[in-house]
Amino acid sequence: MNGPLTPSILPLFRSEVQFRILGELFTHPELEVAVGELAERVGHPRPTVSHEVRRLVEAGLLHRRRQGNRSLIRAATDTSVSDDLRSLLTKTYGPVAQLREAFSGLDVTYVAVFGSYAARWHGEPGPPPNDIDVLLVGDLDYETVWDITARLSRQLGIEVNAVLRDNGAWDEDDTPFSHAIKQGHVIDIVGEATTGQRR
């Protein structure tokens, strides 16, 4: 997650380092990494991350196991607060937060995630999504959007695909594609859903 920790989230965590560690591990619950790799992923010095990891292990929020001479760290997903913590971190640290940060500065009237990622977000059963589909409505430059989605794909470790539509064209779009989005699960990133669209 680029940029400073937002003031509205800071009081919930002891430090920005703690927020980034928990965000990285709880939004990737399958991840089990050594402290050195975790430090690289969150962009903070290894001693600082190691100190914070020790605190979080003692608090029961992370699990640590030995593998040879290495300690591997992962999210503690088996506690009474793990589901709530993961939900909070997904919204504030995970892909949705990064998409909002990346696209909110563009000349857009509406940005939303649709497809399998939005369906899983809303609890619809199915396999884990292998990409994130994003609709952008506004006055947009394709190359700018392509640069952003390429960067996001690298950061998130999952392909981000963008569909661009002009304001008027989207409002009048009566194709099966637009109906599927307007009537399906979406995650609003910027702006409000089109009339008839359910979230």
N, C-alpha and C. Protein backbone atom coordinates (compact mmCIF):
# COMPACT_ATOMS: atom_id res chain seq x y z
N MET A 1 0.85 -1.19 0.00
CA MET A 1 0.00 0.00 0.00
C MET A 1 0.88 1.23 0.00
N ASN A 2 0.76 2.05 -1.00
CA ASN A 2 1.60 3.23 -1.09
C ASN A 2 0.99 4.36 -0.27
N GLY A 3 1.83 5.31 0.16
CA GLY A 3 1.34 6.47 0.86
C GLY A 3 1.23 6.22 2.35
N PRO A 4 1.05 7.29 3.12
CA PRO A 4 0.98 7.17 4.58
C PRO A 4 -0.31 6.53 5.02
N LEU A 5 -0.30 6.04 6.23
CA LEU A 5 -1.49 5.47 6.84
C LEU A 5 -2.52 6.57 7.04
N THR A 6 -3.78 6.31 6.68
CA THR A 6 -4.80 7.33 6.82
C THR A 6 -5.10 7.57 8.28
N PRO A 7 -5.34 8.83 8.70
CA PRO A 7 -5.60 9.14 10.10
C PRO A 7 -6.78 8.37 10.67
N SER A 8 -7.80 8.06 9.83
CA SER A 8 -8.97 7.37 10.34
C SER A 8 -8.67 5.94 10.74
N ILE A 9 -7.58 5.36 10.25
CA ILE A 9 -7.22 3.98 10.56
C ILE A 9 -6.15 3.93 11.65
N LEU A 10 -5.31 4.92 11.74
CA LEU A 10 -4.17 4.91 12.65
C LEU A 10 -4.53 4.58 14.10
N PRO A 11 -5.62 5.13 14.68
CA PRO A 11 -5.90 4.82 16.09
C PRO A 11 -6.17 3.34 16.37
N LEU A 12 -6.49 2.56 15.35
CA LEU A 12 -6.80 1.15 15.55
C LEU A 12 -5.56 0.28 15.64
N PHE A 13 -4.41 0.81 15.26
CA PHE A 13 -3.18 0.04 15.24
C PHE A 13 -2.10 0.81 15.99
N ARG A 14 -1.15 0.05 16.55
CA ARG A 14 -0.10 0.66 17.36
C ARG A 14 0.81 1.55 16.53
N SER A 15 1.04 1.16 15.28
CA SER A 15 1.94 1.91 14.41
C SER A 15 1.63 1.56 12.96
N GLU A 16 2.20 2.35 12.06
CA GLU A 16 2.02 2.05 10.65
C GLU A 16 2.71 0.74 10.28
N VAL A 17 3.84 0.45 10.93
CA VAL A 17 4.53 -0.82 10.66
C VAL A 17 3.62 -2.00 11.02
N GLN A 18 2.97 -1.91 12.17
CA GLN A 18 2.05 -2.98 12.57
C GLN A 18 0.92 -3.12 11.57
N PHE A 19 0.36 -1.99 11.14
CA PHE A 19 -0.72 -2.00 10.15
C PHE A 19 -0.29 -2.70 8.87
N ARG A 20 0.90 -2.37 8.40
CA ARG A 20 1.36 -2.97 7.14
C ARG A 20 1.65 -4.46 7.29
N ILE A 21 2.21 -4.87 8.42
CA ILE A 21 2.48 -6.29 8.66
C ILE A 21 1.18 -7.08 8.69
N LEU A 22 0.23 -6.61 9.50
CA LEU A 22 -1.05 -7.30 9.58
C LEU A 22 -1.79 -7.25 8.26
N GLY A 23 -1.72 -6.11 7.57
CA GLY A 23 -2.38 -6.00 6.28
C GLY A 23 -1.82 -6.98 5.27
N GLU A 24 -0.50 -7.08 5.22
CA GLU A 24 0.14 -7.99 4.25
C GLU A 24 -0.23 -9.44 4.54
N LEU A 25 -0.23 -9.83 5.80
CA LEU A 25 -0.45 -11.24 6.14
C LEU A 25 -1.93 -11.61 6.16
N PHE A 26 -2.79 -10.72 6.63
CA PHE A 26 -4.21 -11.07 6.70
C PHE A 26 -4.91 -10.95 5.36
N THR A 27 -4.39 -10.15 4.44
CA THR A 27 -4.97 -10.11 3.11
C THR A 27 -4.37 -11.18 2.21
N HIS A 28 -3.35 -11.88 2.69
CA HIS A 28 -2.77 -13.05 2.01
C HIS A 28 -2.64 -14.17 3.04
N PRO A 29 -3.78 -14.72 3.51
CA PRO A 29 -3.73 -15.67 4.63
C PRO A 29 -2.98 -16.96 4.31
N GLU A 30 -2.76 -17.24 3.03
CA GLU A 30 -1.99 -18.43 2.66
C GLU A 30 -0.49 -18.20 2.75
N LEU A 31 -0.09 -16.95 2.97
CA LEU A 31 1.32 -16.56 2.96
C LEU A 31 2.01 -16.95 4.25
N GLU A 32 3.19 -17.56 4.13
CA GLU A 32 4.04 -17.86 5.28
C GLU A 32 5.46 -17.47 4.89
N VAL A 33 6.01 -16.46 5.56
CA VAL A 33 7.27 -15.86 5.12
C VAL A 33 8.23 -15.66 6.29
N ALA A 34 9.51 -15.58 5.94
CA ALA A 34 10.53 -15.22 6.92
C ALA A 34 10.47 -13.71 7.16
N VAL A 35 11.02 -13.27 8.28
CA VAL A 35 10.95 -11.85 8.64
C VAL A 35 11.62 -10.98 7.58
N GLY A 36 12.74 -11.46 7.02
CA GLY A 36 13.42 -10.67 6.01
C GLY A 36 12.56 -10.40 4.80
N GLU A 37 11.85 -11.43 4.32
CA GLU A 37 10.96 -11.24 3.18
C GLU A 37 9.78 -10.35 3.54
N LEU A 38 9.27 -10.53 4.75
CA LEU A 38 8.16 -9.69 5.20
C LEU A 38 8.58 -8.23 5.25
N ALA A 39 9.81 -7.97 5.71
CA ALA A 39 10.32 -6.59 5.76
C ALA A 39 10.36 -5.98 4.36
N GLU A 40 10.77 -6.77 3.37
CA GLU A 40 10.80 -6.28 1.99
C GLU A 40 9.39 -5.97 1.49
N ARG A 41 8.45 -6.84 1.83
CA ARG A 41 7.08 -6.68 1.35
C ARG A 41 6.42 -5.43 1.94
N VAL A 42 6.72 -5.12 3.20
CA VAL A 42 6.05 -3.97 3.83
C VAL A 42 6.87 -2.69 3.74
N GLY A 43 8.12 -2.79 3.28
CA GLY A 43 8.93 -1.60 3.05
C GLY A 43 9.46 -0.94 4.31
N HIS A 44 9.82 -1.75 5.34
CA HIS A 44 10.39 -1.22 6.57
C HIS A 44 11.62 -2.03 6.94
N PRO A 45 12.54 -1.46 7.73
CA PRO A 45 13.78 -2.16 8.08
C PRO A 45 13.49 -3.47 8.83
N ARG A 46 14.34 -4.45 8.58
CA ARG A 46 14.15 -5.76 9.20
C ARG A 46 14.11 -5.71 10.73
N PRO A 47 15.00 -4.98 11.42
CA PRO A 47 14.93 -4.95 12.89
C PRO A 47 13.59 -4.42 13.40
N THR A 48 13.07 -3.39 12.73
CA THR A 48 11.78 -2.82 13.13
C THR A 48 10.66 -3.84 12.95
N VAL A 49 10.68 -4.52 11.80
CA VAL A 49 9.65 -5.53 11.51
C VAL A 49 9.77 -6.70 12.48
N SER A 50 11.00 -7.13 12.76
CA SER A 50 11.21 -8.25 13.69
C SER A 50 10.66 -7.92 15.07
N HIS A 51 10.90 -6.69 15.54
CA HIS A 51 10.40 -6.26 16.85
C HIS A 51 8.88 -6.27 16.87
N GLU A 52 8.27 -5.76 15.80
CA GLU A 52 6.81 -5.70 15.75
C GLU A 52 6.21 -7.10 15.61
N VAL A 53 6.86 -7.97 14.84
CA VAL A 53 6.38 -9.35 14.69
C VAL A 53 6.35 -10.05 16.05
N ARG A 54 7.41 -9.84 16.85
CA ARG A 54 7.47 -10.46 18.17
C ARG A 54 6.27 -10.03 19.02
N ARG A 55 5.94 -8.75 18.99
CA ARG A 55 4.79 -8.25 19.73
C ARG A 55 3.49 -8.90 19.24
N LEU A 56 3.34 -9.02 17.94
CA LEU A 56 2.10 -9.56 17.37
C LEU A 56 1.97 -11.05 17.61
N VAL A 57 3.10 -11.77 17.64
CA VAL A 57 3.06 -13.19 17.99
C VAL A 57 2.63 -13.34 19.45
N GLU A 58 3.20 -12.53 20.32
CA GLU A 58 2.85 -12.58 21.74
C GLU A 58 1.38 -12.23 21.96
N ALA A 59 0.83 -11.35 21.12
CA ALA A 59 -0.57 -10.96 21.23
C ALA A 59 -1.51 -12.01 20.63
N GLY A 60 -0.94 -13.02 19.94
CA GLY A 60 -1.76 -14.06 19.35
C GLY A 60 -2.33 -13.73 17.99
N LEU A 61 -1.87 -12.64 17.37
CA LEU A 61 -2.38 -12.24 16.06
C LEU A 61 -1.59 -12.87 14.91
N LEU A 62 -0.36 -13.31 15.18
CA LEU A 62 0.45 -14.00 14.19
C LEU A 62 0.92 -15.32 14.77
N HIS A 63 1.17 -16.29 13.89
CA HIS A 63 1.78 -17.56 14.27
C HIS A 63 3.21 -17.61 13.75
N ARG A 64 4.09 -18.22 14.54
CA ARG A 64 5.48 -18.39 14.14
C ARG A 64 5.83 -19.87 14.26
N ARG A 65 6.56 -20.39 13.26
CA ARG A 65 7.06 -21.76 13.37
C ARG A 65 8.49 -21.81 12.86
N ARG A 66 9.25 -22.73 13.39
CA ARG A 66 10.63 -22.89 12.99
C ARG A 66 10.73 -23.83 11.81
N GLN A 67 11.59 -23.47 10.86
CA GLN A 67 11.93 -24.35 9.74
C GLN A 67 13.44 -24.27 9.59
N GLY A 68 14.13 -25.28 10.15
CA GLY A 68 15.58 -25.21 10.19
C GLY A 68 16.02 -24.07 11.06
N ASN A 69 16.83 -23.18 10.49
CA ASN A 69 17.30 -22.02 11.27
C ASN A 69 16.49 -20.77 10.97
N ARG A 70 15.35 -20.94 10.32
CA ARG A 70 14.50 -19.79 10.00
C ARG A 70 13.20 -19.83 10.79
N SER A 71 12.66 -18.65 11.06
CA SER A 71 11.31 -18.53 11.63
C SER A 71 10.38 -18.06 10.53
N LEU A 72 9.29 -18.78 10.35
CA LEU A 72 8.29 -18.42 9.35
C LEU A 72 7.06 -17.85 10.05
N ILE A 73 6.53 -16.77 9.47
CA ILE A 73 5.44 -16.02 10.08
C ILE A 73 4.21 -16.11 9.18
N ARG A 74 3.04 -16.25 9.79
CA ARG A 74 1.79 -16.20 9.04
C ARG A 74 0.69 -15.61 9.92
N ALA A 75 -0.41 -15.23 9.30
CA ALA A 75 -1.55 -14.69 10.05
C ALA A 75 -2.18 -15.77 10.91
N ALA A 76 -2.60 -15.40 12.09
CA ALA A 76 -3.34 -16.32 12.96
C ALA A 76 -4.81 -16.25 12.55
N THR A 77 -5.22 -17.16 11.69
CA THR A 77 -6.59 -17.12 11.15
C THR A 77 -7.56 -17.98 11.94
N ASP A 78 -7.13 -18.47 13.10
CA ASP A 78 -7.95 -19.39 13.88
C ASP A 78 -8.39 -18.80 15.22
N THR A 79 -8.44 -17.48 15.31
CA THR A 79 -8.84 -16.84 16.57
C THR A 79 -10.25 -16.27 16.44
N SER A 80 -10.79 -15.83 17.56
CA SER A 80 -12.15 -15.29 17.57
C SER A 80 -12.25 -13.95 16.84
N VAL A 81 -11.12 -13.27 16.65
CA VAL A 81 -11.15 -11.96 15.99
C VAL A 81 -10.58 -11.99 14.58
N SER A 82 -10.12 -13.14 14.13
CA SER A 82 -9.40 -13.19 12.86
C SER A 82 -10.27 -12.80 11.67
N ASP A 83 -11.53 -13.25 11.64
CA ASP A 83 -12.40 -12.91 10.51
C ASP A 83 -12.68 -11.42 10.46
N ASP A 84 -12.95 -10.83 11.62
CA ASP A 84 -13.21 -9.38 11.67
C ASP A 84 -11.97 -8.59 11.30
N LEU A 85 -10.82 -9.03 11.78
CA LEU A 85 -9.57 -8.33 11.48
C LEU A 85 -9.25 -8.42 10.00
N ARG A 86 -9.45 -9.60 9.42
CA ARG A 86 -9.18 -9.76 7.99
C ARG A 86 -10.11 -8.87 7.17
N SER A 87 -11.40 -8.82 7.56
CA SER A 87 -12.35 -7.98 6.84
C SER A 87 -11.94 -6.50 6.89
N LEU A 88 -11.55 -6.04 8.06
CA LEU A 88 -11.12 -4.65 8.22
C LEU A 88 -9.88 -4.37 7.39
N LEU A 89 -8.90 -5.27 7.44
CA LEU A 89 -7.64 -5.05 6.72
C LEU A 89 -7.83 -5.17 5.21
N THR A 90 -8.74 -6.03 4.77
CA THR A 90 -9.01 -6.12 3.34
C THR A 90 -9.57 -4.80 2.83
N LYS A 91 -10.42 -4.18 3.64
CA LYS A 91 -11.02 -2.91 3.22
C LYS A 91 -10.05 -1.74 3.30
N THR A 92 -9.08 -1.79 4.21
CA THR A 92 -8.20 -0.64 4.43
C THR A 92 -6.80 -0.82 3.86
N TYR A 93 -6.38 -2.05 3.65
CA TYR A 93 -5.02 -2.31 3.17
C TYR A 93 -5.01 -3.05 1.85
N GLY A 94 -5.97 -3.94 1.66
CA GLY A 94 -5.97 -4.87 0.55
C GLY A 94 -6.28 -4.24 -0.79
N PRO A 95 -6.60 -5.06 -1.77
CA PRO A 95 -6.81 -4.59 -3.14
C PRO A 95 -7.82 -3.46 -3.27
N VAL A 96 -8.93 -3.52 -2.55
CA VAL A 96 -9.94 -2.48 -2.69
C VAL A 96 -9.38 -1.12 -2.30
N ALA A 97 -8.63 -1.07 -1.21
CA ALA A 97 -8.03 0.19 -0.78
C ALA A 97 -7.01 0.70 -1.80
N GLN A 98 -6.23 -0.21 -2.35
CA GLN A 98 -5.21 0.20 -3.32
C GLN A 98 -5.85 0.65 -4.63
N LEU A 99 -6.93 -0.01 -5.04
CA LEU A 99 -7.65 0.43 -6.24
C LEU A 99 -8.23 1.82 -6.03
N ARG A 100 -8.81 2.04 -4.86
CA ARG A 100 -9.40 3.37 -4.58
C ARG A 100 -8.32 4.45 -4.62
N GLU A 101 -7.18 4.17 -4.03
CA GLU A 101 -6.09 5.14 -4.02
C GLU A 101 -5.58 5.41 -5.44
N ALA A 102 -5.49 4.37 -6.25
CA ALA A 102 -4.92 4.51 -7.60
C ALA A 102 -5.85 5.26 -8.55
N PHE A 103 -7.17 5.04 -8.44
CA PHE A 103 -8.09 5.58 -9.43
C PHE A 103 -8.81 6.85 -8.99
N SER A 104 -8.76 7.20 -7.71
CA SER A 104 -9.54 8.35 -7.25
C SER A 104 -9.03 9.68 -7.80
N GLY A 105 -7.79 9.73 -8.24
CA GLY A 105 -7.25 10.96 -8.78
C GLY A 105 -7.54 11.19 -10.25
N LEU A 106 -8.16 10.20 -10.90
CA LEU A 106 -8.46 10.33 -12.32
C LEU A 106 -9.78 11.08 -12.53
N ASP A 107 -10.02 11.49 -13.77
CA ASP A 107 -11.27 12.16 -14.12
C ASP A 107 -12.34 11.10 -14.37
N VAL A 108 -12.85 10.54 -13.28
CA VAL A 108 -13.83 9.46 -13.37
C VAL A 108 -15.09 9.82 -12.60
N THR A 109 -16.22 9.33 -13.07
CA THR A 109 -17.48 9.51 -12.33
C THR A 109 -17.84 8.23 -11.59
N TYR A 110 -17.33 7.10 -12.07
CA TYR A 110 -17.67 5.84 -11.41
C TYR A 110 -16.57 4.81 -11.69
N VAL A 111 -16.14 4.13 -10.63
CA VAL A 111 -15.20 3.02 -10.74
C VAL A 111 -15.74 1.90 -9.86
N ALA A 112 -15.78 0.69 -10.39
CA ALA A 112 -16.29 -0.45 -9.61
C ALA A 112 -15.58 -1.73 -10.02
N VAL A 113 -15.41 -2.60 -9.05
CA VAL A 113 -14.93 -3.95 -9.32
C VAL A 113 -16.14 -4.82 -9.60
N PHE A 114 -16.04 -5.67 -10.63
CA PHE A 114 -17.12 -6.59 -10.96
C PHE A 114 -16.54 -7.97 -11.19
N GLY A 115 -17.35 -8.91 -11.56
CA GLY A 115 -16.86 -10.25 -11.87
C GLY A 115 -16.63 -11.10 -10.64
N SER A 116 -15.73 -12.08 -10.77
CA SER A 116 -15.55 -13.08 -9.71
C SER A 116 -15.00 -12.48 -8.42
N TYR A 117 -14.14 -11.46 -8.52
CA TYR A 117 -13.60 -10.87 -7.29
C TYR A 117 -14.73 -10.24 -6.48
N ALA A 118 -15.61 -9.48 -7.14
CA ALA A 118 -16.74 -8.86 -6.45
C ALA A 118 -17.68 -9.92 -5.89
N ALA A 119 -17.88 -11.00 -6.63
CA ALA A 119 -18.76 -12.07 -6.16
C ALA A 119 -18.23 -12.71 -4.89
N ARG A 120 -16.92 -13.02 -4.86
CA ARG A 120 -16.34 -13.60 -3.65
C ARG A 120 -16.40 -12.62 -2.49
N TRP A 121 -16.17 -11.33 -2.77
CA TRP A 121 -16.21 -10.29 -1.74
C TRP A 121 -17.58 -10.28 -1.06
N HIS A 122 -18.63 -10.48 -1.86
CA HIS A 122 -19.99 -10.44 -1.33
C HIS A 122 -20.44 -11.80 -0.80
N GLY A 123 -19.53 -12.77 -0.75
CA GLY A 123 -19.84 -14.05 -0.14
C GLY A 123 -20.39 -15.10 -1.06
N GLU A 124 -20.42 -14.84 -2.35
CA GLU A 124 -20.90 -15.86 -3.29
C GLU A 124 -19.85 -16.96 -3.38
N PRO A 125 -20.25 -18.23 -3.20
CA PRO A 125 -19.26 -19.31 -3.22
C PRO A 125 -18.65 -19.51 -4.59
N GLY A 126 -17.43 -20.03 -4.60
CA GLY A 126 -16.74 -20.29 -5.84
C GLY A 126 -15.24 -20.32 -5.63
N PRO A 127 -14.49 -20.65 -6.67
CA PRO A 127 -13.03 -20.70 -6.54
C PRO A 127 -12.45 -19.31 -6.35
N PRO A 128 -11.25 -19.20 -5.75
CA PRO A 128 -10.61 -17.90 -5.58
C PRO A 128 -10.43 -17.22 -6.94
N PRO A 129 -10.66 -15.93 -7.03
CA PRO A 129 -10.50 -15.24 -8.31
C PRO A 129 -9.04 -15.19 -8.73
N ASN A 130 -8.80 -15.29 -10.04
CA ASN A 130 -7.43 -15.18 -10.53
C ASN A 130 -7.15 -13.85 -11.20
N ASP A 131 -8.14 -12.93 -11.14
CA ASP A 131 -7.92 -11.57 -11.62
C ASP A 131 -8.95 -10.65 -10.99
N ILE A 132 -8.77 -9.35 -11.20
CA ILE A 132 -9.70 -8.34 -10.69
C ILE A 132 -10.15 -7.51 -11.88
N ASP A 133 -11.45 -7.53 -12.15
CA ASP A 133 -12.02 -6.77 -13.26
C ASP A 133 -12.56 -5.45 -12.74
N VAL A 134 -12.16 -4.35 -13.39
CA VAL A 134 -12.53 -3.01 -12.92
C VAL A 134 -13.18 -2.24 -14.07
N LEU A 135 -14.35 -1.66 -13.80
CA LEU A 135 -15.03 -0.78 -14.74
C LEU A 135 -14.69 0.66 -14.37
N LEU A 136 -14.26 1.46 -15.36
CA LEU A 136 -13.98 2.88 -15.15
C LEU A 136 -14.84 3.68 -16.11
N VAL A 137 -15.64 4.59 -15.59
CA VAL A 137 -16.52 5.43 -16.40
C VAL A 137 -16.07 6.88 -16.24
N GLY A 138 -15.73 7.52 -17.36
CA GLY A 138 -15.30 8.91 -17.30
C GLY A 138 -14.48 9.30 -18.52
N ASP A 139 -13.83 10.43 -18.42
CA ASP A 139 -12.98 10.94 -19.50
C ASP A 139 -11.57 10.42 -19.25
N LEU A 140 -11.22 9.32 -19.89
CA LEU A 140 -10.01 8.58 -19.52
C LEU A 140 -9.06 8.40 -20.69
N ASP A 141 -7.79 8.40 -20.35
CA ASP A 141 -6.74 8.11 -21.32
C ASP A 141 -6.33 6.66 -21.15
N TYR A 142 -6.42 5.88 -22.22
CA TYR A 142 -6.16 4.44 -22.13
C TYR A 142 -4.76 4.15 -21.61
N GLU A 143 -3.75 4.89 -22.09
CA GLU A 143 -2.38 4.59 -21.67
C GLU A 143 -2.17 4.85 -20.19
N THR A 144 -2.79 5.90 -19.66
CA THR A 144 -2.69 6.18 -18.23
C THR A 144 -3.29 5.04 -17.43
N VAL A 145 -4.48 4.60 -17.84
CA VAL A 145 -5.14 3.50 -17.13
C VAL A 145 -4.32 2.23 -17.25
N TRP A 146 -3.76 1.96 -18.42
CA TRP A 146 -2.95 0.75 -18.60
C TRP A 146 -1.74 0.78 -17.67
N ASP A 147 -1.09 1.95 -17.55
CA ASP A 147 0.06 2.07 -16.63
C ASP A 147 -0.36 1.77 -15.19
N ILE A 148 -1.51 2.29 -14.79
CA ILE A 148 -1.99 2.07 -13.42
C ILE A 148 -2.31 0.60 -13.19
N THR A 149 -3.03 -0.03 -14.12
CA THR A 149 -3.39 -1.44 -13.93
C THR A 149 -2.16 -2.34 -13.95
N ALA A 150 -1.17 -2.01 -14.76
CA ALA A 150 0.06 -2.80 -14.78
C ALA A 150 0.79 -2.70 -13.44
N ARG A 151 0.84 -1.49 -12.88
CA ARG A 151 1.48 -1.30 -11.57
C ARG A 151 0.70 -2.04 -10.48
N LEU A 152 -0.62 -1.92 -10.50
CA LEU A 152 -1.44 -2.61 -9.52
C LEU A 152 -1.28 -4.12 -9.61
N SER A 153 -1.21 -4.64 -10.82
CA SER A 153 -1.04 -6.08 -11.01
C SER A 153 0.24 -6.56 -10.36
N ARG A 154 1.31 -5.78 -10.50
CA ARG A 154 2.58 -6.15 -9.87
C ARG A 154 2.48 -6.06 -8.34
N GLN A 155 1.89 -4.98 -7.85
CA GLN A 155 1.79 -4.78 -6.40
C GLN A 155 0.93 -5.84 -5.73
N LEU A 156 -0.21 -6.16 -6.35
CA LEU A 156 -1.18 -7.05 -5.73
C LEU A 156 -0.90 -8.52 -5.99
N GLY A 157 -0.06 -8.81 -6.99
CA GLY A 157 0.21 -10.20 -7.32
C GLY A 157 -0.96 -10.88 -7.99
N ILE A 158 -1.87 -10.11 -8.57
CA ILE A 158 -3.02 -10.63 -9.29
C ILE A 158 -3.32 -9.68 -10.44
N GLU A 159 -3.70 -10.21 -11.59
CA GLU A 159 -3.91 -9.37 -12.76
C GLU A 159 -5.11 -8.46 -12.57
N VAL A 160 -4.94 -7.18 -12.88
CA VAL A 160 -6.02 -6.20 -12.83
C VAL A 160 -6.39 -5.82 -14.25
N ASN A 161 -7.64 -6.06 -14.63
CA ASN A 161 -8.13 -5.77 -15.98
C ASN A 161 -9.10 -4.60 -15.92
N ALA A 162 -8.93 -3.62 -16.80
CA ALA A 162 -9.80 -2.45 -16.81
C ALA A 162 -10.67 -2.42 -18.05
N VAL A 163 -11.94 -2.06 -17.86
CA VAL A 163 -12.88 -1.79 -18.94
C VAL A 163 -13.22 -0.31 -18.87
N LEU A 164 -12.99 0.44 -19.96
CA LEU A 164 -13.21 1.88 -19.99
C LEU A 164 -14.48 2.21 -20.75
N ARG A 165 -15.26 3.14 -20.21
CA ARG A 165 -16.47 3.61 -20.87
C ARG A 165 -16.61 5.12 -20.66
N ASP A 166 -17.05 5.83 -21.72
CA ASP A 166 -17.39 7.25 -21.58
C ASP A 166 -18.66 7.38 -20.78
N ASN A 167 -18.84 8.53 -20.14
CA ASN A 167 -20.03 8.74 -19.31
C ASN A 167 -21.32 8.47 -20.06
N GLY A 168 -21.51 9.16 -21.17
CA GLY A 168 -22.75 9.00 -21.93
C GLY A 168 -22.92 7.60 -22.48
N ALA A 169 -21.82 7.03 -22.97
CA ALA A 169 -21.89 5.69 -23.56
C ALA A 169 -22.31 4.66 -22.51
N TRP A 170 -21.81 4.80 -21.29
CA TRP A 170 -22.17 3.84 -20.24
C TRP A 170 -23.62 4.00 -19.81
N ASP A 171 -24.08 5.25 -19.68
CA ASP A 171 -25.46 5.49 -19.27
C ASP A 171 -26.44 4.87 -20.27
N GLU A 172 -26.07 4.90 -21.55
CA GLU A 172 -26.97 4.40 -22.59
C GLU A 172 -26.69 2.96 -22.98
N ASP A 173 -25.65 2.38 -22.41
CA ASP A 173 -25.24 1.02 -22.79
C ASP A 173 -26.33 0.02 -22.40
N ASP A 174 -26.84 -0.70 -23.40
CA ASP A 174 -27.92 -1.67 -23.17
C ASP A 174 -27.48 -3.07 -23.59
N THR A 175 -26.17 -3.29 -23.58
CA THR A 175 -25.64 -4.58 -24.02
C THR A 175 -25.73 -5.61 -22.90
N PRO A 176 -25.63 -6.91 -23.24
CA PRO A 176 -25.60 -7.95 -22.19
C PRO A 176 -24.47 -7.72 -21.19
N PHE A 177 -23.34 -7.20 -21.68
CA PHE A 177 -22.21 -6.94 -20.79
C PHE A 177 -22.60 -5.93 -19.71
N SER A 178 -23.19 -4.81 -20.10
CA SER A 178 -23.56 -3.78 -19.13
C SER A 178 -24.64 -4.28 -18.19
N HIS A 179 -25.59 -5.06 -18.70
CA HIS A 179 -26.64 -5.62 -17.83
C HIS A 179 -26.03 -6.55 -16.79
N ALA A 180 -25.04 -7.35 -17.20
CA ALA A 180 -24.41 -8.28 -16.27
C ALA A 180 -23.74 -7.53 -15.13
N ILE A 181 -23.11 -6.39 -15.44
CA ILE A 181 -22.46 -5.60 -14.40
C ILE A 181 -23.50 -4.86 -13.55
N LYS A 182 -24.46 -4.23 -14.20
CA LYS A 182 -25.43 -3.42 -13.47
C LYS A 182 -26.35 -4.25 -12.57
N GLN A 183 -26.54 -5.50 -12.92
CA GLN A 183 -27.41 -6.35 -12.12
C GLN A 183 -26.63 -7.32 -11.23
N GLY A 184 -25.32 -7.36 -11.38
CA GLY A 184 -24.51 -8.30 -10.62
C GLY A 184 -23.86 -7.67 -9.40
N HIS A 185 -23.05 -8.47 -8.73
CA HIS A 185 -22.30 -7.97 -7.58
C HIS A 185 -21.21 -7.02 -8.04
N VAL A 186 -21.10 -5.89 -7.37
CA VAL A 186 -20.01 -4.94 -7.63
C VAL A 186 -19.47 -4.43 -6.30
N ILE A 187 -18.28 -3.89 -6.35
CA ILE A 187 -17.69 -3.17 -5.21
C ILE A 187 -17.44 -1.75 -5.69
N ASP A 188 -18.16 -0.80 -5.15
CA ASP A 188 -17.95 0.60 -5.54
C ASP A 188 -16.58 1.07 -5.07
N ILE A 189 -15.80 1.61 -5.98
CA ILE A 189 -14.48 2.14 -5.66
C ILE A 189 -14.52 3.66 -5.63
N VAL A 190 -15.08 4.26 -6.67
CA VAL A 190 -15.25 5.71 -6.76
C VAL A 190 -16.66 5.97 -7.27
N GLY A 191 -17.39 6.88 -6.64
CA GLY A 191 -18.73 7.21 -7.09
C GLY A 191 -19.76 6.20 -6.63
N GLU A 192 -20.98 6.38 -7.13
CA GLU A 192 -22.11 5.55 -6.73
C GLU A 192 -22.54 4.65 -7.87
N ALA A 193 -23.16 3.53 -7.50
CA ALA A 193 -23.62 2.58 -8.49
C ALA A 193 -24.71 3.16 -9.36
N THR A 194 -24.73 2.71 -10.61
CA THR A 194 -25.78 3.10 -11.54
C THR A 194 -27.12 2.59 -11.04
N THR A 195 -28.18 3.31 -11.33
CA THR A 195 -29.52 2.88 -10.93
C THR A 195 -29.78 1.46 -11.41
N GLY A 196 -30.31 0.65 -10.52
CA GLY A 196 -30.61 -0.74 -10.89
C GLY A 196 -29.48 -1.68 -10.56
N GLN A 197 -28.32 -1.12 -10.21
CA GLN A 197 -27.18 -1.96 -9.90
C GLN A 197 -27.24 -2.36 -8.44
N ARG A 198 -27.01 -3.62 -8.13
CA ARG A 198 -26.99 -4.03 -6.74
C ARG A 198 -25.55 -4.30 -6.34
N ARG A 199 -25.21 -4.06 -5.09
CA ARG A 199 -23.81 -4.14 -4.66
C ARG A 199 -23.51 -5.48 -4.05
